[in-house]
Amino acid sequence: MKPATDPLAQLTEIRAIMERSSRFLSLSGLSGVGAGIVALVGAAVGHFYLQAQYGPMGFLRLVEAPAEERRQALPFLLGLAVAMIVVAFGVALYFTRRRAVQDGRLLWDAPARRLLLSLAVPLVAGGLFCLGLYLRGAASCVVPGLLIFYGLALLNASKYTLDEIRLLGLTQLALGLLALVLPGWGLIFFAAGFGLGHIGYGLLMYNRYERASQPVL
C-alpha cells in the first residue's frame, strides 16, 4: 500500500507553486547593495558639484537660488540622475539575472513584467512631477518627492515580489516626509534613503535568502 499523503505537505507545496507563479522571487539582495553604493557615490558627486558652484552650503543655496541659477544647474543634475539610474539598473540586472540562473527560474516572466510595470508607473510619474517642482521654484520638495514616490512604487510592487520590499517602501516614505521638515538636509536624506536604505535592505535579503547558496564574490 502507498503511504498516506500528508494534506499539510500538499497544501504547502501548492502554496509554493502559486507563489512562484505570481511573484518574482529572484530579486537579489546584492542588487540592493549595488544600487545603494551607486546612490551614495552619486550623492557625493552632487555634493561636491554644488559645493564647487555655491560654496559650503551648496545644496541649501541651490534650494534658495533664483530660477536662472537653478536652470543652469539642471543639465548636470539631470545627467547625474540618468547616469545613476542606468548604472544602478545594470547592477541590479546583473545580480538578479545571476540569482535567477542559479535558482533555475526565468528572468523575464509574467511576474517580472508585472513587477516592472508596477514600479515604472509611480517612478515615471514621480520623476516628472519632481522635475516640475524644480522648474517652478519648489526645489526643496524634490528630494522628499523622489523618496515618497519611490516608497509608493515599492509598496505598489511589493505584492509581486518578496514581502520585505514593503518595509523598504515604508522606510522611503518616512524619510521623504521627514525631509519635508528639513529641506536643507536634502542630500543627506537622499543618501540615507537611496543609499543606506538599499544597502541595509540588500544585506538583510542576502543573509536571509542567498548567503547559503551564492558563491562568495
C-alpha atoms as a PDB file:
ATOM      1  CA  MET A   1       0.000   0.000   0.000  1.00  0.00           C
ATOM      2  CA  LYS A   2       1.106   3.547  -0.731  1.00  0.00           C
ATOM      3  CA  PRO A   3       1.777   5.706   2.301  1.00  0.00           C
ATOM      4  CA  ALA A   4      -0.898   8.267   3.037  1.00  0.00           C
ATOM      5  CA  THR A   5      -0.132  11.700   1.639  1.00  0.00           C
ATOM      6  CA  ASP A   6       0.218  14.443   4.218  1.00  0.00           C
ATOM      7  CA  PRO A   7      -2.506  17.042   3.422  1.00  0.00           C
ATOM      8  CA  LEU A   8      -0.460  19.796   5.081  1.00  0.00           C
ATOM      9  CA  ALA A   9       2.545  18.996   2.895  1.00  0.00           C
ATOM     10  CA  GLN A  10       0.310  19.082  -0.178  1.00  0.00           C
ATOM     11  CA  LEU A  11      -1.102  22.463   0.779  1.00  0.00           C
ATOM     12  CA  THR A  12       2.403  23.805   1.407  1.00  0.00           C
ATOM     13  CA  GLU A  13       3.550  22.603  -1.988  1.00  0.00           C
ATOM     14  CA  ILE A  14       0.505  24.090  -3.731  1.00  0.00           C
ATOM     15  CA  ARG A  15       1.073  27.398  -1.974  1.00  0.00           C
ATOM     16  CA  ALA A  16       4.742  27.417  -3.034  1.00  0.00           C
ATOM     17  CA  ILE A  17       3.783  26.708  -6.643  1.00  0.00           C
ATOM     18  CA  MET A  18       1.187  29.507  -6.636  1.00  0.00           C
ATOM     19  CA  GLU A  19       3.697  31.917  -5.097  1.00  0.00           C
ATOM     20  CA  ARG A  20       6.321  31.095  -7.721  1.00  0.00           C
ATOM     21  CA  SER A  21       3.786  31.674 -10.490  1.00  0.00           C
ATOM     22  CA  SER A  22       2.513  35.000  -9.131  1.00  0.00           C
ATOM     23  CA  ARG A  23       5.624  36.559  -7.566  1.00  0.00           C
ATOM     24  CA  PHE A  24       9.083  37.414  -8.819  1.00  0.00           C
ATOM     25  CA  LEU A  25      11.296  35.663  -6.259  1.00  0.00           C
ATOM     26  CA  SER A  26      14.716  36.024  -7.911  1.00  0.00           C
ATOM     27  CA  LEU A  27      15.299  39.592  -6.756  1.00  0.00           C
ATOM     28  CA  SER A  28      18.844  39.606  -5.395  1.00  0.00           C
ATOM     29  CA  GLY A  29      19.882  41.303  -2.183  1.00  0.00           C
ATOM     30  CA  LEU A  30      23.219  42.116  -3.796  1.00  0.00           C
ATOM     31  CA  SER A  31      21.382  44.228  -6.364  1.00  0.00           C
ATOM     32  CA  GLY A  32      20.141  46.381  -3.486  1.00  0.00           C
ATOM     33  CA  VAL A  33      23.663  46.717  -2.097  1.00  0.00           C
ATOM     34  CA  GLY A  34      24.983  47.701  -5.522  1.00  0.00           C
ATOM     35  CA  ALA A  35      22.205  50.240  -6.094  1.00  0.00           C
ATOM     36  CA  GLY A  36      22.855  51.726  -2.655  1.00  0.00           C
ATOM     37  CA  ILE A  37      26.543  52.172  -3.384  1.00  0.00           C
ATOM     38  CA  VAL A  38      25.694  53.861  -6.690  1.00  0.00           C
ATOM     39  CA  ALA A  39      23.339  56.234  -4.847  1.00  0.00           C
ATOM     40  CA  LEU A  40      25.994  57.121  -2.259  1.00  0.00           C
ATOM     41  CA  VAL A  41      28.556  57.839  -4.983  1.00  0.00           C
ATOM     42  CA  GLY A  42      26.001  59.936  -6.867  1.00  0.00           C
ATOM     43  CA  ALA A  43      25.108  61.900  -3.734  1.00  0.00           C
ATOM     44  CA  ALA A  44      28.812  62.571  -3.113  1.00  0.00           C
ATOM     45  CA  VAL A  45      29.312  63.765  -6.705  1.00  0.00           C
ATOM     46  CA  GLY A  46      26.275  66.035  -6.404  1.00  0.00           C
ATOM     47  CA  HIS A  47      27.532  67.398  -3.082  1.00  0.00           C
ATOM     48  CA  PHE A  48      30.981  68.291  -4.437  1.00  0.00           C
ATOM     49  CA  TYR A  49      29.480  69.824  -7.576  1.00  0.00           C
ATOM     50  CA  LEU A  50      27.122  72.050  -5.581  1.00  0.00           C
ATOM     51  CA  GLN A  51      29.899  72.895  -3.143  1.00  0.00           C
ATOM     52  CA  ALA A  52      32.117  73.995  -6.034  1.00  0.00           C
ATOM     53  CA  GLN A  53      29.308  76.063  -7.540  1.00  0.00           C
ATOM     54  CA  TYR A  54      27.751  77.633  -4.442  1.00  0.00           C
ATOM     55  CA  GLY A  55      30.128  77.153  -1.518  1.00  0.00           C
ATOM     56  CA  PRO A  56      29.968  75.005   1.633  1.00  0.00           C
ATOM     57  CA  MET A  57      26.147  75.164   1.852  1.00  0.00           C
ATOM     58  CA  GLY A  58      25.775  74.238  -1.785  1.00  0.00           C
ATOM     59  CA  PHE A  59      22.524  72.278  -1.617  1.00  0.00           C
ATOM     60  CA  LEU A  60      20.770  74.861   0.568  1.00  0.00           C
ATOM     61  CA  ARG A  61      21.983  77.628  -1.758  1.00  0.00           C
ATOM     62  CA  LEU A  62      20.561  75.761  -4.752  1.00  0.00           C
ATOM     63  CA  VAL A  63      17.218  75.353  -2.984  1.00  0.00           C
ATOM     64  CA  GLU A  64      17.074  79.093  -2.333  1.00  0.00           C
ATOM     65  CA  ALA A  65      18.595  80.168  -5.677  1.00  0.00           C
ATOM     66  CA  PRO A  66      16.658  82.188  -8.274  1.00  0.00           C
ATOM     67  CA  ALA A  67      15.165  80.414 -11.255  1.00  0.00           C
ATOM     68  CA  GLU A  68      18.054  81.214 -13.600  1.00  0.00           C
ATOM     69  CA  GLU A  69      20.640  79.618 -11.322  1.00  0.00           C
ATOM     70  CA  ARG A  70      18.519  76.509 -10.909  1.00  0.00           C
ATOM     71  CA  ARG A  71      18.152  76.165 -14.681  1.00  0.00           C
ATOM     72  CA  GLN A  72      21.915  76.402 -15.125  1.00  0.00           C
ATOM     73  CA  ALA A  73      22.442  73.503 -12.702  1.00  0.00           C
ATOM     74  CA  LEU A  74      19.663  71.393 -14.222  1.00  0.00           C
ATOM     75  CA  PRO A  75      21.645  69.748 -17.108  1.00  0.00           C
ATOM     76  CA  PHE A  76      24.309  68.453 -14.721  1.00  0.00           C
ATOM     77  CA  LEU A  77      21.771  67.242 -12.162  1.00  0.00           C
ATOM     78  CA  LEU A  78      19.661  65.508 -14.814  1.00  0.00           C
ATOM     79  CA  GLY A  79      22.752  63.900 -16.336  1.00  0.00           C
ATOM     80  CA  LEU A  80      23.869  62.685 -12.918  1.00  0.00           C
ATOM     81  CA  ALA A  81      20.405  61.272 -12.197  1.00  0.00           C
ATOM     82  CA  VAL A  82      20.252  59.443 -15.535  1.00  0.00           C
ATOM     83  CA  ALA A  83      23.758  58.021 -15.033  1.00  0.00           C
ATOM     84  CA  MET A  84      22.838  56.782 -11.550  1.00  0.00           C
ATOM     85  CA  ILE A  85      19.638  55.143 -12.818  1.00  0.00           C
ATOM     86  CA  VAL A  86      21.424  53.408 -15.700  1.00  0.00           C
ATOM     87  CA  VAL A  87      24.301  52.108 -13.553  1.00  0.00           C
ATOM     88  CA  ALA A  88      22.022  51.030 -10.687  1.00  0.00           C
ATOM     89  CA  PHE A  89      19.692  49.244 -13.114  1.00  0.00           C
ATOM     90  CA  GLY A  90      22.650  47.494 -14.733  1.00  0.00           C
ATOM     91  CA  VAL A  91      23.963  46.327 -11.357  1.00  0.00           C
ATOM     92  CA  ALA A  92      20.510  45.126 -10.287  1.00  0.00           C
ATOM     93  CA  LEU A  93      20.004  43.310 -13.577  1.00  0.00           C
ATOM     94  CA  TYR A  94      23.366  41.533 -13.311  1.00  0.00           C
ATOM     95  CA  PHE A  95      22.858  40.185  -9.785  1.00  0.00           C
ATOM     96  CA  THR A  96      19.178  39.370 -10.305  1.00  0.00           C
ATOM     97  CA  ARG A  97      19.922  37.501 -13.528  1.00  0.00           C
ATOM     98  CA  ARG A  98      22.658  35.566 -11.742  1.00  0.00           C
ATOM     99  CA  ARG A  99      20.286  34.536  -8.973  1.00  0.00           C
ATOM    100  CA  ALA A 100      17.563  33.564 -11.461  1.00  0.00           C
ATOM    101  CA  VAL A 101      20.030  31.291 -13.281  1.00  0.00           C
ATOM    102  CA  GLN A 102      21.181  29.705 -10.024  1.00  0.00           C
ATOM    103  CA  ASP A 103      17.569  29.124  -8.937  1.00  0.00           C
ATOM    104  CA  GLY A 104      16.622  27.697 -12.340  1.00  0.00           C
ATOM    105  CA  ARG A 105      13.999  30.392 -12.912  1.00  0.00           C
ATOM    106  CA  LEU A 106      13.231  32.630 -15.849  1.00  0.00           C
ATOM    107  CA  LEU A 107      14.357  36.246 -15.534  1.00  0.00           C
ATOM    108  CA  TRP A 108      11.657  37.710 -17.785  1.00  0.00           C
ATOM    109  CA  ASP A 109       8.385  36.006 -16.924  1.00  0.00           C
ATOM    110  CA  ALA A 110       4.864  37.228 -16.165  1.00  0.00           C
ATOM    111  CA  PRO A 111       5.590  38.179 -12.504  1.00  0.00           C
ATOM    112  CA  ALA A 112       8.709  40.088 -13.611  1.00  0.00           C
ATOM    113  CA  ARG A 113       6.666  42.063 -16.146  1.00  0.00           C
ATOM    114  CA  ARG A 114       4.011  42.890 -13.555  1.00  0.00           C
ATOM    115  CA  LEU A 115       6.710  43.911 -11.079  1.00  0.00           C
ATOM    116  CA  LEU A 116       8.407  46.213 -13.591  1.00  0.00           C
ATOM    117  CA  LEU A 117       5.129  47.840 -14.619  1.00  0.00           C
ATOM    118  CA  SER A 118       4.033  48.410 -11.024  1.00  0.00           C
ATOM    119  CA  LEU A 119       7.374  50.095 -10.345  1.00  0.00           C
ATOM    120  CA  ALA A 120       7.565  52.083 -13.569  1.00  0.00           C
ATOM    121  CA  VAL A 121       4.247  53.933 -13.398  1.00  0.00           C
ATOM    122  CA  PRO A 122       4.800  55.654  -9.998  1.00  0.00           C
ATOM    123  CA  LEU A 123       8.502  56.214 -10.748  1.00  0.00           C
ATOM    124  CA  VAL A 124       7.929  57.903 -14.114  1.00  0.00           C
ATOM    125  CA  ALA A 125       5.046  59.973 -12.755  1.00  0.00           C
ATOM    126  CA  GLY A 126       7.096  60.920  -9.693  1.00  0.00           C
ATOM    127  CA  GLY A 127      10.153  61.856 -11.729  1.00  0.00           C
ATOM    128  CA  LEU A 128       8.147  64.170 -13.996  1.00  0.00           C
ATOM    129  CA  PHE A 129       6.327  65.649 -11.013  1.00  0.00           C
ATOM    130  CA  CYS A 130       9.610  66.388  -9.209  1.00  0.00           C
ATOM    131  CA  LEU A 131      11.056  67.954 -12.370  1.00  0.00           C
ATOM    132  CA  GLY A 132       8.035  70.248 -12.452  1.00  0.00           C
ATOM    133  CA  LEU A 133       8.590  71.151  -8.797  1.00  0.00           C
ATOM    134  CA  TYR A 134      12.217  72.054  -9.535  1.00  0.00           C
ATOM    135  CA  LEU A 135      11.323  74.229 -12.521  1.00  0.00           C
ATOM    136  CA  ARG A 136       8.541  76.010 -10.646  1.00  0.00           C
ATOM    137  CA  GLY A 137      10.709  77.050  -7.718  1.00  0.00           C
ATOM    138  CA  ALA A 138       9.896  74.284  -5.232  1.00  0.00           C
ATOM    139  CA  ALA A 139      13.374  72.729  -5.336  1.00  0.00           C
ATOM    140  CA  SER A 140      13.234  71.966  -1.614  1.00  0.00           C
ATOM    141  CA  CYS A 141      10.425  69.462  -2.326  1.00  0.00           C
ATOM    142  CA  VAL A 142      12.326  67.496  -4.987  1.00  0.00           C
ATOM    143  CA  VAL A 143      14.183  65.064  -2.710  1.00  0.00           C
ATOM    144  CA  PRO A 144      11.129  64.491  -0.478  1.00  0.00           C
ATOM    145  CA  GLY A 145       9.070  63.912  -3.619  1.00  0.00           C
ATOM    146  CA  LEU A 146      11.564  61.415  -5.018  1.00  0.00           C
ATOM    147  CA  LEU A 147      11.629  59.460  -1.765  1.00  0.00           C
ATOM    148  CA  ILE A 148       7.842  59.485  -1.372  1.00  0.00           C
ATOM    149  CA  PHE A 149       7.116  58.402  -4.941  1.00  0.00           C
ATOM    150  CA  TYR A 150       9.800  55.719  -4.727  1.00  0.00           C
ATOM    151  CA  GLY A 151       8.301  54.452  -1.487  1.00  0.00           C
ATOM    152  CA  LEU A 152       4.864  54.321  -3.122  1.00  0.00           C
ATOM    153  CA  ALA A 153       6.343  52.462  -6.101  1.00  0.00           C
ATOM    154  CA  LEU A 154       7.890  49.869  -3.791  1.00  0.00           C
ATOM    155  CA  LEU A 155       4.641  49.418  -1.892  1.00  0.00           C
ATOM    156  CA  ASN A 156       2.813  49.013  -5.194  1.00  0.00           C
ATOM    157  CA  ALA A 157       5.359  46.439  -6.395  1.00  0.00           C
ATOM    158  CA  SER A 158       5.628  44.503  -3.129  1.00  0.00           C
ATOM    159  CA  LYS A 159       2.631  42.310  -3.989  1.00  0.00           C
ATOM    160  CA  TYR A 160       4.588  40.893  -6.956  1.00  0.00           C
ATOM    161  CA  THR A 161       7.850  40.086  -5.167  1.00  0.00           C
ATOM    162  CA  LEU A 162       9.374  39.484  -1.728  1.00  0.00           C
ATOM    163  CA  ASP A 163       7.429  40.854   1.231  1.00  0.00           C
ATOM    164  CA  GLU A 164      10.473  42.689   2.581  1.00  0.00           C
ATOM    165  CA  ILE A 165      10.146  45.211  -0.259  1.00  0.00           C
ATOM    166  CA  ARG A 166       7.189  46.643   1.652  1.00  0.00           C
ATOM    167  CA  LEU A 167       9.429  47.522   4.595  1.00  0.00           C
ATOM    168  CA  LEU A 168      11.869  49.329   2.302  1.00  0.00           C
ATOM    169  CA  GLY A 169       8.955  51.247   0.786  1.00  0.00           C
ATOM    170  CA  LEU A 170       7.700  52.356   4.196  1.00  0.00           C
ATOM    171  CA  THR A 171      11.232  53.451   5.100  1.00  0.00           C
ATOM    172  CA  GLN A 172      11.446  55.615   1.971  1.00  0.00           C
ATOM    173  CA  LEU A 173       8.067  57.179   2.727  1.00  0.00           C
ATOM    174  CA  ALA A 174       9.087  58.034   6.285  1.00  0.00           C
ATOM    175  CA  LEU A 175      12.363  59.598   5.136  1.00  0.00           C
ATOM    176  CA  GLY A 176      10.563  61.571   2.419  1.00  0.00           C
ATOM    177  CA  LEU A 177       8.091  63.029   4.887  1.00  0.00           C
ATOM    178  CA  LEU A 178      10.881  63.873   7.314  1.00  0.00           C
ATOM    179  CA  ALA A 179      12.852  65.542   4.517  1.00  0.00           C
ATOM    180  CA  LEU A 180       9.942  67.945   4.013  1.00  0.00           C
ATOM    181  CA  VAL A 181      10.555  69.268   7.513  1.00  0.00           C
ATOM    182  CA  LEU A 182      14.331  69.657   6.988  1.00  0.00           C
ATOM    183  CA  PRO A 183      14.724  70.929   3.406  1.00  0.00           C
ATOM    184  CA  GLY A 184      18.365  71.930   3.795  1.00  0.00           C
ATOM    185  CA  TRP A 185      19.289  68.309   4.529  1.00  0.00           C
ATOM    186  CA  GLY A 186      18.010  67.020   1.214  1.00  0.00           C
ATOM    187  CA  LEU A 187      21.234  65.360   0.085  1.00  0.00           C
ATOM    188  CA  ILE A 188      21.610  63.621   3.436  1.00  0.00           C
ATOM    189  CA  PHE A 189      18.094  62.209   3.199  1.00  0.00           C
ATOM    190  CA  PHE A 190      18.769  61.203  -0.416  1.00  0.00           C
ATOM    191  CA  ALA A 191      21.899  59.309   0.673  1.00  0.00           C
ATOM    192  CA  ALA A 192      20.058  57.773   3.635  1.00  0.00           C
ATOM    193  CA  GLY A 193      17.081  56.578   1.588  1.00  0.00           C
ATOM    194  CA  PHE A 194      18.507  55.564  -1.758  1.00  0.00           C
ATOM    195  CA  GLY A 195      21.956  54.706  -0.416  1.00  0.00           C
ATOM    196  CA  LEU A 196      21.909  53.324   3.120  1.00  0.00           C
ATOM    197  CA  GLY A 197      18.324  52.097   2.820  1.00  0.00           C
ATOM    198  CA  HIS A 198      19.172  49.963  -0.204  1.00  0.00           C
ATOM    199  CA  ILE A 199      22.378  48.665   1.336  1.00  0.00           C
ATOM    200  CA  GLY A 200      20.629  47.688   4.571  1.00  0.00           C
ATOM    201  CA  TYR A 201      17.779  46.031   2.709  1.00  0.00           C
ATOM    202  CA  GLY A 202      20.188  44.261   0.368  1.00  0.00           C
ATOM    203  CA  LEU A 203      22.290  42.842   3.194  1.00  0.00           C
ATOM    204  CA  LEU A 204      19.157  41.690   5.009  1.00  0.00           C
ATOM    205  CA  MET A 205      17.854  39.911   1.914  1.00  0.00           C
ATOM    206  CA  TYR A 206      21.216  38.404   1.044  1.00  0.00           C
ATOM    207  CA  ASN A 207      21.696  36.958   4.517  1.00  0.00           C
ATOM    208  CA  ARG A 208      18.113  35.717   4.688  1.00  0.00           C
ATOM    209  CA  TYR A 209      17.741  34.099   1.264  1.00  0.00           C
ATOM    210  CA  GLU A 210      21.047  33.871  -0.601  1.00  0.00           C
ATOM    211  CA  ARG A 211      24.036  33.541   1.695  1.00  0.00           C
ATOM    212  CA  ALA A 212      23.949  29.743   1.862  1.00  0.00           C
ATOM    213  CA  SER A 213      23.566  29.246  -1.885  1.00  0.00           C
ATOM    214  CA  GLN A 214      25.527  32.074  -3.532  1.00  0.00           C
ATOM    215  CA  PRO A 215      29.287  31.929  -4.075  1.00  0.00           C
ATOM    216  CA  VAL A 216      31.438  34.487  -2.313  1.00  0.00           C
ATOM    217  CA  LEU A 217      32.340  37.339  -4.676  1.00  0.00           C
END
